[in-house]
Protein backbone atom coordinates (compact mmCIF):
# COMPACT_ATOMS: atom_id res chain seq x y z
CA UNK A 1 19.65 -2.75 -8.07
CA UNK A 2 17.03 -0.42 -6.86
CA UNK A 3 15.31 -0.76 -2.99
CA UNK A 4 11.95 -0.73 -2.77
CA UNK A 5 10.76 -0.54 1.00
CA UNK A 6 6.61 -1.88 0.54
CA UNK A 7 4.19 -1.03 2.52
CA UNK A 8 1.02 -3.86 3.33
CA UNK A 9 -2.03 -4.06 5.47
CA UNK A 10 -5.75 -4.17 4.39
CA UNK A 11 -8.21 -0.95 3.65
CA UNK A 12 -7.76 1.95 5.99
CA UNK A 13 -4.69 0.40 8.19
CA UNK A 14 -2.65 3.53 8.31
CA UNK A 15 -0.48 2.89 5.48
CA UNK A 16 -0.41 6.53 4.59
CA UNK A 17 0.42 7.64 8.02
CA UNK A 18 3.28 4.87 8.45
CA UNK A 19 4.25 6.01 5.46
CA UNK A 20 4.72 9.96 6.27
CA UNK A 21 6.25 9.11 9.32
CA UNK A 22 9.27 7.08 8.20
CA UNK A 23 10.06 10.04 5.04
CA UNK A 24 10.48 12.07 8.55
CA UNK A 25 12.80 9.43 9.97
CA UNK A 26 14.83 9.19 6.83
CA UNK A 27 14.18 12.68 6.25
CA UNK A 28 18.22 14.00 5.01
CA UNK A 29 17.58 10.73 1.88
CA UNK A 30 16.29 11.14 -0.94
CA UNK A 31 13.74 8.76 -1.26
CA UNK A 32 11.08 7.80 -3.89
CA UNK A 33 7.13 6.88 -3.67
CA UNK A 34 5.32 5.19 -6.03
CA UNK A 35 1.46 4.68 -5.23
CA UNK A 36 -0.36 1.73 -6.74
CA UNK A 37 -3.65 4.03 -5.19
CA UNK A 38 -2.75 7.36 -7.46
CA UNK A 39 -1.92 5.08 -10.40
CA UNK A 40 -5.56 3.70 -10.17
CA UNK A 41 -6.55 7.08 -9.55
CA UNK A 42 -4.93 9.08 -12.08
CA UNK A 43 -6.03 6.47 -14.87
CA UNK A 44 -9.79 6.64 -13.60
CA UNK A 45 -9.52 10.39 -13.78
CA UNK A 46 -8.40 10.85 -17.71
CA UNK A 47 -11.49 8.10 -18.30
CA UNK A 48 -13.89 10.37 -16.39
CA UNK A 49 -14.85 7.64 -14.31
CA UNK A 50 -15.51 8.29 -10.94
CA UNK A 51 -12.80 7.48 -8.45
CA UNK A 52 -15.09 5.21 -5.35
CA UNK A 53 -13.39 2.23 -4.12
CA UNK A 54 -15.45 -0.55 -6.58
CA UNK A 55 -13.69 0.97 -9.61
CA UNK A 56 -10.56 1.24 -8.07
CA UNK A 57 -10.55 -2.50 -7.15
CA UNK A 58 -11.89 -3.14 -10.30
CA UNK A 59 -9.40 -1.63 -12.87
CA UNK A 60 -6.59 -3.75 -12.08
CA UNK A 61 -8.44 -6.95 -12.88
CA UNK A 62 -9.48 -5.21 -16.22
CA UNK A 63 -6.35 -4.36 -17.10
CA UNK A 64 -5.06 -7.95 -16.30
CA UNK A 65 -8.01 -9.37 -18.53
CA UNK A 66 -7.99 -7.17 -21.28
CA UNK A 67 -3.69 -7.52 -21.87
CA UNK A 68 -2.38 -10.55 -19.94
CA UNK A 69 -2.40 -11.22 -16.56
CA UNK A 70 1.02 -9.27 -15.46
CA UNK A 71 -0.11 -6.03 -17.19
CA UNK A 72 -0.64 -4.54 -13.90
CA UNK A 73 2.29 -5.58 -12.05
CA UNK A 74 4.48 -4.37 -15.10
CA UNK A 75 2.74 -0.96 -14.84
CA UNK A 76 3.84 -1.17 -11.07
CA UNK A 77 7.12 -2.21 -12.15
CA UNK A 78 7.52 0.42 -14.72
CA UNK A 79 6.15 3.09 -12.23
CA UNK A 80 9.00 2.34 -9.58
CA UNK A 81 11.84 1.77 -12.09
CA UNK A 82 11.02 5.33 -13.37
CA UNK A 83 11.99 7.16 -10.07
CA UNK A 84 14.81 8.51 -9.96
CA UNK A 85 15.80 7.48 -6.66
CA UNK A 86 17.54 4.40 -6.06
CA UNK A 87 15.35 3.49 -2.75
CA UNK A 88 11.75 4.38 -3.45
CA UNK A 89 8.69 3.40 -1.19
CA UNK A 90 5.47 1.61 -2.59
CA UNK A 91 2.13 2.38 -0.74
CA UNK A 92 0.81 -1.16 -1.51
CA UNK A 93 1.32 -4.90 -2.47
CA UNK A 94 -2.34 -6.40 -2.96
CA UNK A 95 -2.07 -9.52 -4.20
CA UNK A 96 0.89 -12.03 -3.81
CA UNK A 97 1.69 -12.04 -8.12
CA UNK A 98 2.69 -8.45 -7.22
CA UNK A 99 4.92 -9.53 -4.24
CA UNK A 100 6.53 -12.50 -6.49
CA UNK A 101 7.34 -9.46 -8.76
CA UNK A 102 8.56 -7.45 -7.07
CA UNK A 103 11.24 -9.66 -5.55
CA UNK A 104 12.13 -10.93 -8.79
CA UNK A 105 12.74 -7.16 -10.02
CA UNK A 106 13.80 -5.13 -6.42
CA UNK A 107 15.10 -5.33 -3.45
CA UNK A 108 12.34 -5.37 -1.34
CA UNK A 109 11.36 -5.05 2.37
CA UNK A 110 8.01 -5.23 3.26
CA UNK A 111 6.33 -3.39 6.20
CA UNK A 112 2.83 -5.09 6.73
CA UNK A 113 0.37 -2.48 9.23
CA UNK A 114 -2.20 -4.76 11.10
CA UNK A 115 -5.52 -3.31 12.28
CA UNK A 116 -8.45 -4.81 13.54
CA UNK A 117 -11.10 -4.22 11.36
CA UNK A 118 -12.97 -2.32 13.85
CA UNK A 119 -10.70 -0.05 14.31
CA UNK A 120 -10.00 0.64 10.40
CA UNK A 121 -13.54 0.90 9.89
CA UNK A 122 -13.89 4.12 12.29
CA UNK A 123 -10.79 5.37 10.63
CA UNK A 124 -12.32 4.45 7.43
CA UNK A 125 -15.27 6.81 8.12
CA UNK A 126 -13.51 9.43 10.00
CA UNK A 127 -11.33 10.33 6.94
CA UNK A 128 -13.93 10.00 4.39
CA UNK A 129 -10.92 9.89 1.60
CA UNK A 130 -12.66 8.37 -1.41
CA UNK A 131 -16.29 8.90 -2.77
CA UNK A 132 -19.03 7.60 -0.40
CA UNK A 133 -16.81 5.86 2.04
CA UNK A 134 -18.31 8.02 4.83
CA UNK A 135 -21.73 6.44 4.30
CA UNK A 136 -20.26 2.33 4.18
CA UNK A 137 -22.07 0.56 7.25
CA UNK A 138 -19.87 -1.93 8.73
CA UNK A 139 -21.51 -5.01 7.21
CA UNK A 140 -20.72 -3.12 3.61
CA UNK A 141 -17.32 -2.49 4.79
CA UNK A 142 -16.57 -6.20 5.67
CA UNK A 143 -17.97 -7.37 2.17
CA UNK A 144 -15.61 -5.32 0.71
CA UNK A 145 -12.98 -7.36 1.84
CA UNK A 146 -13.97 -10.01 -0.29
CA UNK A 147 -13.15 -8.23 -3.51
CA UNK A 148 -10.13 -9.78 -5.46
CA UNK A 149 -8.28 -6.66 -4.26
CA UNK A 150 -8.42 -6.87 -0.27
CA UNK A 151 -9.34 -10.54 0.08
CA UNK A 152 -5.57 -12.01 -0.50
CA UNK A 153 -4.05 -9.03 1.78
CA UNK A 154 -3.91 -11.01 5.03
CA UNK A 155 -1.90 -13.66 3.36
CA UNK A 156 1.06 -11.42 2.20
CA UNK A 157 1.35 -10.48 6.16
CA UNK A 158 3.72 -14.07 6.17
CA UNK A 159 6.35 -12.46 3.89
CA UNK A 160 6.73 -9.16 5.97
CA UNK A 161 10.33 -8.24 7.16
CA UNK A 162 8.23 -6.32 9.64
CA UNK A 163 4.68 -6.63 11.52
CA UNK A 164 3.72 -3.03 12.61
CA UNK A 165 0.51 -2.72 15.10
CA UNK A 166 -1.48 0.22 14.74
CA UNK A 167 -4.31 -0.37 16.66
CA UNK A 168 -2.55 2.18 19.17
CA UNK A 169 -2.40 5.43 19.32
CA UNK A 170 -0.27 7.78 16.71
CA UNK A 171 2.76 7.45 19.38
CA UNK A 172 2.78 3.86 19.65
CA UNK A 173 2.87 3.74 15.58
CA UNK A 174 5.75 6.41 15.36
CA UNK A 175 7.91 4.61 17.91
CA UNK A 176 7.36 1.30 15.95
CA UNK A 177 7.92 2.87 12.43
CA UNK A 178 11.09 4.96 13.70
CA UNK A 179 12.11 1.07 15.35
CA UNK A 180 11.76 -0.50 11.78
CA UNK A 181 13.63 2.37 10.22
CA UNK A 182 16.66 1.88 12.67
CA UNK A 183 16.65 -2.21 12.23
CA UNK A 184 15.82 -2.54 9.12
CA UNK A 185 16.52 0.46 7.23
CA UNK A 186 19.33 2.61 8.27
CA UNK A 187 21.83 0.84 6.83
CA UNK A 188 20.38 0.25 3.29
CA UNK A 189 19.51 3.72 2.91
CA UNK A 190 22.75 5.29 3.94
């Protein structure tokens, strides 16, 4: 059975940075990578639709409304299952249903990256990763958390194997991810 290491957290919490640190810790191992964000972006790009946060949030809803309530989870499951590696890092669970789906189909370890909203907002503005993101006001940022793809994320924290506090420095994050690797993954990945 494939082992999935899922990173969970609200927007701009540092999941990608934590994943890069984990990949460095396990650099001698073959680990796959599956990204719900990349999956959604690729679909929007194929359809000629702008890859902004609103469209990325809307697409899973449209998939489930149009083709059935498990469509998005099934697509993510296939994305993971089609990775050739036995261990796959998955970059974000956003819904309790997705967590349940992944628990049923894979051996799952969950890392929740926790950061205060003010810190996440500053980081989002600084990186400007998605179209128009660096022009977002703090009130708009908070409003985005009410969207269907964001509102359930905090409830997933209770299901985490580990909670990583990313309110501090990069060195603090590196230390916590290395500790997560040593305590929860080193034996699984060996």
